[in-house]
Amino acid sequence: MDMELFDALEARVENLLKQFSSLKQENLLLKEENLTLMQEREVFKSRIDAILKKMEGM
């Protein structure tokens, strides 16, 4: 009985470690995607600001 408990515990720990690793990888991918989106946002913001400045001069 004790071995069964240890086996079950070991299986759960291994499963949790796999999930943790998967979540860490997903977190890295999301950080990269977020950085890309923030950079795109800055480009769009700069372009919009330039257009607005041209319109102010009209």
PDB file of N, CA and C in Angstrom:
ATOM      1  N   MET A   1       0.822  -1.192   0.000  1.00  0.00           N
ATOM      2  CA  MET A   1       0.000   0.000   0.000  1.00  0.00           C
ATOM      3  C   MET A   1       0.861   1.248   0.000  1.00  0.00           C
ATOM      4  N   ASP A   2       1.912   1.263   0.786  1.00  0.00           N
ATOM      5  CA  ASP A   2       2.762   2.447   0.842  1.00  0.00           C
ATOM      6  C   ASP A   2       3.425   2.726  -0.503  1.00  0.00           C
ATOM      7  N   MET A   3       3.838   1.662  -1.208  1.00  0.00           N
ATOM      8  CA  MET A   3       4.458   1.849  -2.521  1.00  0.00           C
ATOM      9  C   MET A   3       3.469   2.456  -3.505  1.00  0.00           C
ATOM     10  N   GLU A   4       2.214   2.055  -3.407  1.00  0.00           N
ATOM     11  CA  GLU A   4       1.189   2.603  -4.294  1.00  0.00           C
ATOM     12  C   GLU A   4       1.026   4.099  -4.065  1.00  0.00           C
ATOM     13  N   LEU A   5       1.053   4.507  -2.815  1.00  0.00           N
ATOM     14  CA  LEU A   5       0.938   5.933  -2.492  1.00  0.00           C
ATOM     15  C   LEU A   5       2.129   6.707  -3.044  1.00  0.00           C
ATOM     16  N   PHE A   6       3.337   6.156  -2.859  1.00  0.00           N
ATOM     17  CA  PHE A   6       4.530   6.827  -3.374  1.00  0.00           C
ATOM     18  C   PHE A   6       4.516   6.882  -4.900  1.00  0.00           C
ATOM     19  N   ASP A   7       4.052   5.826  -5.535  1.00  0.00           N
ATOM     20  CA  ASP A   7       3.958   5.804  -6.993  1.00  0.00           C
ATOM     21  C   ASP A   7       2.960   6.855  -7.478  1.00  0.00           C
ATOM     22  N   ALA A   8       1.833   6.944  -6.789  1.00  0.00           N
ATOM     23  CA  ALA A   8       0.822   7.937  -7.156  1.00  0.00           C
ATOM     24  C   ALA A   8       1.361   9.345  -6.944  1.00  0.00           C
ATOM     25  N   LEU A   9       2.043   9.555  -5.829  1.00  0.00           N
ATOM     26  CA  LEU A   9       2.625  10.861  -5.552  1.00  0.00           C
ATOM     27  C   LEU A   9       3.674  11.215  -6.597  1.00  0.00           C
ATOM     28  N   GLU A  10       4.520  10.248  -6.930  1.00  0.00           N
ATOM     29  CA  GLU A  10       5.563  10.492  -7.932  1.00  0.00           C
ATOM     30  C   GLU A  10       4.941  10.846  -9.284  1.00  0.00           C
ATOM     31  N   ALA A  11       3.892  10.149  -9.658  1.00  0.00           N
ATOM     32  CA  ALA A  11       3.211  10.415 -10.925  1.00  0.00           C
ATOM     33  C   ALA A  11       2.615  11.811 -10.936  1.00  0.00           C
ATOM     34  N   ARG A  12       2.028  12.210  -9.819  1.00  0.00           N
ATOM     35  CA  ARG A  12       1.434  13.552  -9.732  1.00  0.00           C
ATOM     36  C   ARG A  12       2.505  14.633  -9.791  1.00  0.00           C
ATOM     37  N   VAL A  13       3.625  14.404  -9.122  1.00  0.00           N
ATOM     38  CA  VAL A  13       4.720  15.372  -9.139  1.00  0.00           C
ATOM     39  C   VAL A  13       5.279  15.499 -10.557  1.00  0.00           C
ATOM     40  N   GLU A  14       5.465  14.364 -11.224  1.00  0.00           N
ATOM     41  CA  GLU A  14       5.962  14.398 -12.597  1.00  0.00           C
ATOM     42  C   GLU A  14       4.997  15.130 -13.514  1.00  0.00           C
ATOM     43  N   ASN A  15       3.722  14.891 -13.328  1.00  0.00           N
ATOM     44  CA  ASN A  15       2.702  15.581 -14.122  1.00  0.00           C
ATOM     45  C   ASN A  15       2.740  17.086 -13.864  1.00  0.00           C
ATOM     46  N   LEU A  16       2.851  17.473 -12.609  1.00  0.00           N
ATOM     47  CA  LEU A  16       2.923  18.891 -12.274  1.00  0.00           C
ATOM     48  C   LEU A  16       4.172  19.540 -12.854  1.00  0.00           C
ATOM     49  N   LEU A  17       5.293  18.829 -12.837  1.00  0.00           N
ATOM     50  CA  LEU A  17       6.517  19.374 -13.418  1.00  0.00           C
ATOM     51  C   LEU A  17       6.389  19.564 -14.920  1.00  0.00           C
ATOM     52  N   LYS A  18       5.717  18.629 -15.595  1.00  0.00           N
ATOM     53  CA  LYS A  18       5.476  18.771 -17.033  1.00  0.00           C
ATOM     54  C   LYS A  18       4.581  19.973 -17.312  1.00  0.00           C
ATOM     55  N   GLN A  19       3.544  20.117 -16.514  1.00  0.00           N
ATOM     56  CA  GLN A  19       2.634  21.252 -16.675  1.00  0.00           C
ATOM     57  C   GLN A  19       3.371  22.566 -16.432  1.00  0.00           C
ATOM     58  N   PHE A  20       4.209  22.584 -15.404  1.00  0.00           N
ATOM     59  CA  PHE A  20       4.978  23.784 -15.083  1.00  0.00           C
ATOM     60  C   PHE A  20       5.901  24.148 -16.232  1.00  0.00           C
ATOM     61  N   SER A  21       6.572  23.158 -16.784  1.00  0.00           N
ATOM     62  CA  SER A  21       7.466  23.386 -17.914  1.00  0.00           C
ATOM     63  C   SER A  21       6.692  23.915 -19.114  1.00  0.00           C
ATOM     64  N   SER A  22       5.546  23.340 -19.366  1.00  0.00           N
ATOM     65  CA  SER A  22       4.703  23.777 -20.478  1.00  0.00           C
ATOM     66  C   SER A  22       4.244  25.215 -20.281  1.00  0.00           C
ATOM     67  N   LEU A  23       3.851  25.543 -19.067  1.00  0.00           N
ATOM     68  CA  LEU A  23       3.402  26.908 -18.771  1.00  0.00           C
ATOM     69  C   LEU A  23       4.541  27.916 -18.885  1.00  0.00           C
ATOM     70  N   LYS A  24       5.734  27.511 -18.479  1.00  0.00           N
ATOM     71  CA  LYS A  24       6.889  28.398 -18.629  1.00  0.00           C
ATOM     72  C   LYS A  24       7.159  28.679 -20.104  1.00  0.00           C
ATOM     73  N   GLN A  25       7.082  27.658 -20.925  1.00  0.00           N
ATOM     74  CA  GLN A  25       7.305  27.826 -22.364  1.00  0.00           C
ATOM     75  C   GLN A  25       6.227  28.728 -22.964  1.00  0.00           C
ATOM     76  N   GLU A  26       4.980  28.496 -22.582  1.00  0.00           N
ATOM     77  CA  GLU A  26       3.886  29.332 -23.075  1.00  0.00           C
ATOM     78  C   GLU A  26       4.071  30.780 -22.631  1.00  0.00           C
ATOM     79  N   ASN A  27       4.531  30.966 -21.409  1.00  0.00           N
ATOM     80  CA  ASN A  27       4.773  32.311 -20.895  1.00  0.00           C
ATOM     81  C   ASN A  27       5.841  33.023 -21.726  1.00  0.00           C
ATOM     82  N   LEU A  28       6.910  32.313 -22.075  1.00  0.00           N
ATOM     83  CA  LEU A  28       7.956  32.908 -22.907  1.00  0.00           C
ATOM     84  C   LEU A  28       7.408  33.314 -24.270  1.00  0.00           C
ATOM     85  N   LEU A  29       6.612  32.444 -24.872  1.00  0.00           N
ATOM     86  CA  LEU A  29       6.023  32.763 -26.169  1.00  0.00           C
ATOM     87  C   LEU A  29       5.098  33.971 -26.087  1.00  0.00           C
ATOM     88  N   LEU A  30       4.316  34.040 -25.020  1.00  0.00           N
ATOM     89  CA  LEU A  30       3.407  35.170 -24.841  1.00  0.00           C
ATOM     90  C   LEU A  30       4.170  36.478 -24.601  1.00  0.00           C
ATOM     91  N   LYS A  31       5.295  36.400 -23.895  1.00  0.00           N
ATOM     92  CA  LYS A  31       6.112  37.592 -23.685  1.00  0.00           C
ATOM     93  C   LYS A  31       6.671  38.093 -25.014  1.00  0.00           C
ATOM     94  N   GLU A  32       7.122  37.158 -25.856  1.00  0.00           N
ATOM     95  CA  GLU A  32       7.637  37.540 -27.168  1.00  0.00           C
ATOM     96  C   GLU A  32       6.539  38.159 -28.023  1.00  0.00           C
ATOM     97  N   GLU A  33       5.365  37.547 -28.004  1.00  0.00           N
ATOM     98  CA  GLU A  33       4.242  38.078 -28.768  1.00  0.00           C
ATOM     99  C   GLU A  33       3.841  39.458 -28.258  1.00  0.00           C
ATOM    100  N   ASN A  34       3.831  39.624 -26.961  1.00  0.00           N
ATOM    101  CA  ASN A  34       3.490  40.916 -26.365  1.00  0.00           C
ATOM    102  C   ASN A  34       4.490  41.988 -26.787  1.00  0.00           C
ATOM    103  N   LEU A  35       5.769  41.645 -26.794  1.00  0.00           N
ATOM    104  CA  LEU A  35       6.800  42.593 -27.208  1.00  0.00           C
ATOM    105  C   LEU A  35       6.594  42.998 -28.662  1.00  0.00           C
ATOM    106  N   THR A  36       6.298  42.021 -29.512  1.00  0.00           N
ATOM    107  CA  THR A  36       6.045  42.313 -30.925  1.00  0.00           C
ATOM    108  C   THR A  36       4.847  43.242 -31.076  1.00  0.00           C
ATOM    109  N   LEU A  37       3.780  42.956 -30.355  1.00  0.00           N
ATOM    110  CA  LEU A  37       2.586  43.794 -30.429  1.00  0.00           C
ATOM    111  C   LEU A  37       2.846  45.206 -29.915  1.00  0.00           C
ATOM    112  N   MET A  38       3.646  45.330 -28.875  1.00  0.00           N
ATOM    113  CA  MET A  38       3.972  46.658 -28.355  1.00  0.00           C
ATOM    114  C   MET A  38       4.798  47.450 -29.365  1.00  0.00           C
ATOM    115  N   GLN A  39       5.715  46.771 -30.049  1.00  0.00           N
ATOM    116  CA  GLN A  39       6.514  47.439 -31.065  1.00  0.00           C
ATOM    117  C   GLN A  39       5.643  47.888 -32.235  1.00  0.00           C
ATOM    118  N   GLU A  40       4.730  47.038 -32.661  1.00  0.00           N
ATOM    119  CA  GLU A  40       3.798  47.408 -33.727  1.00  0.00           C
ATOM    120  C   GLU A  40       2.945  48.596 -33.302  1.00  0.00           C
ATOM    121  N   ARG A  41       2.517  48.578 -32.071  1.00  0.00           N
ATOM    122  CA  ARG A  41       1.698  49.683 -31.545  1.00  0.00           C
ATOM    123  C   ARG A  41       2.456  50.997 -31.616  1.00  0.00           C
ATOM    124  N   GLU A  42       3.729  50.972 -31.266  1.00  0.00           N
ATOM    125  CA  GLU A  42       4.539  52.190 -31.316  1.00  0.00           C
ATOM    126  C   GLU A  42       4.689  52.704 -32.745  1.00  0.00           C
ATOM    127  N   VAL A  43       4.837  51.776 -33.694  1.00  0.00           N
ATOM    128  CA  VAL A  43       4.933  52.177 -35.101  1.00  0.00           C
ATOM    129  C   VAL A  43       3.645  52.862 -35.533  1.00  0.00           C
ATOM    130  N   PHE A  44       2.507  52.237 -35.213  1.00  0.00           N
ATOM    131  CA  PHE A  44       1.222  52.830 -35.577  1.00  0.00           C
ATOM    132  C   PHE A  44       1.017  54.177 -34.891  1.00  0.00           C
ATOM    133  N   LYS A  45       1.403  54.277 -33.657  1.00  0.00           N
ATOM    134  CA  LYS A  45       1.258  55.528 -32.914  1.00  0.00           C
ATOM    135  C   LYS A  45       2.082  56.629 -33.565  1.00  0.00           C
ATOM    136  N   SER A  46       3.293  56.309 -33.960  1.00  0.00           N
ATOM    137  CA  SER A  46       4.149  57.292 -34.620  1.00  0.00           C
ATOM    138  C   SER A  46       3.543  57.740 -35.944  1.00  0.00           C
ATOM    139  N   ARG A  47       3.024  56.790 -36.687  1.00  0.00           N
ATOM    140  CA  ARG A  47       2.415  57.146 -37.978  1.00  0.00           C
ATOM    141  C   ARG A  47       1.174  58.010 -37.790  1.00  0.00           C
ATOM    142  N   ILE A  48       0.367  57.678 -36.818  1.00  0.00           N
ATOM    143  CA  ILE A  48      -0.842  58.469 -36.550  1.00  0.00           C
ATOM    144  C   ILE A  48      -0.457  59.869 -36.089  1.00  0.00           C
ATOM    145  N   ASP A  49       0.542  59.970 -35.228  1.00  0.00           N
ATOM    146  CA  ASP A  49       0.993  61.286 -34.774  1.00  0.00           C
ATOM    147  C   ASP A  49       1.490  62.121 -35.948  1.00  0.00           C
ATOM    148  N   ALA A  50       2.213  61.508 -36.876  1.00  0.00           N
ATOM    149  CA  ALA A  50       2.716  62.222 -38.050  1.00  0.00           C
ATOM    150  C   ALA A  50       1.559  62.710 -38.917  1.00  0.00           C
ATOM    151  N   ILE A  51       0.537  61.869 -39.094  1.00  0.00           N
ATOM    152  CA  ILE A  51      -0.630  62.266 -39.887  1.00  0.00           C
ATOM    153  C   ILE A  51      -1.363  63.426 -39.215  1.00  0.00           C
ATOM    154  N   LEU A  52      -1.518  63.337 -37.896  1.00  0.00           N
ATOM    155  CA  LEU A  52      -2.200  64.410 -37.165  1.00  0.00           C
ATOM    156  C   LEU A  52      -1.443  65.730 -37.251  1.00  0.00           C
ATOM    157  N   LYS A  53      -0.139  65.691 -37.219  1.00  0.00           N
ATOM    158  CA  LYS A  53       0.668  66.901 -37.340  1.00  0.00           C
ATOM    159  C   LYS A  53       0.502  67.518 -38.722  1.00  0.00           C
ATOM    160  N   LYS A  54       0.439  66.674 -39.755  1.00  0.00           N
ATOM    161  CA  LYS A  54       0.214  67.182 -41.112  1.00  0.00           C
ATOM    162  C   LYS A  54      -1.156  67.836 -41.218  1.00  0.00           C
ATOM    163  N   MET A  55      -2.150  67.230 -40.568  1.00  0.00           N
ATOM    164  CA  MET A  55      -3.502  67.781 -40.609  1.00  0.00           C
ATOM    165  C   MET A  55      -3.575  69.108 -39.857  1.00  0.00           C
ATOM    166  N   GLU A  56      -2.796  69.272 -38.801  1.00  0.00           N
ATOM    167  CA  GLU A  56      -2.780  70.522 -38.040  1.00  0.00           C
ATOM    168  C   GLU A  56      -2.223  71.647 -38.893  1.00  0.00           C
ATOM    169  N   GLY A  57      -1.322  71.311 -39.788  1.00  0.00           N
ATOM    170  CA  GLY A  57      -0.712  72.325 -40.635  1.00  0.00           C
ATOM    171  C   GLY A  57      -1.598  72.785 -41.778  1.00  0.00           C
ATOM    172  N   MET A  58      -2.717  72.115 -42.002  1.00  0.00           N
ATOM    173  CA  MET A  58      -3.611  72.480 -43.108  1.00  0.00           C
ATOM    174  C   MET A  58      -4.472  73.660 -42.775  1.00  0.00           C
TER     175      MET A  58
END
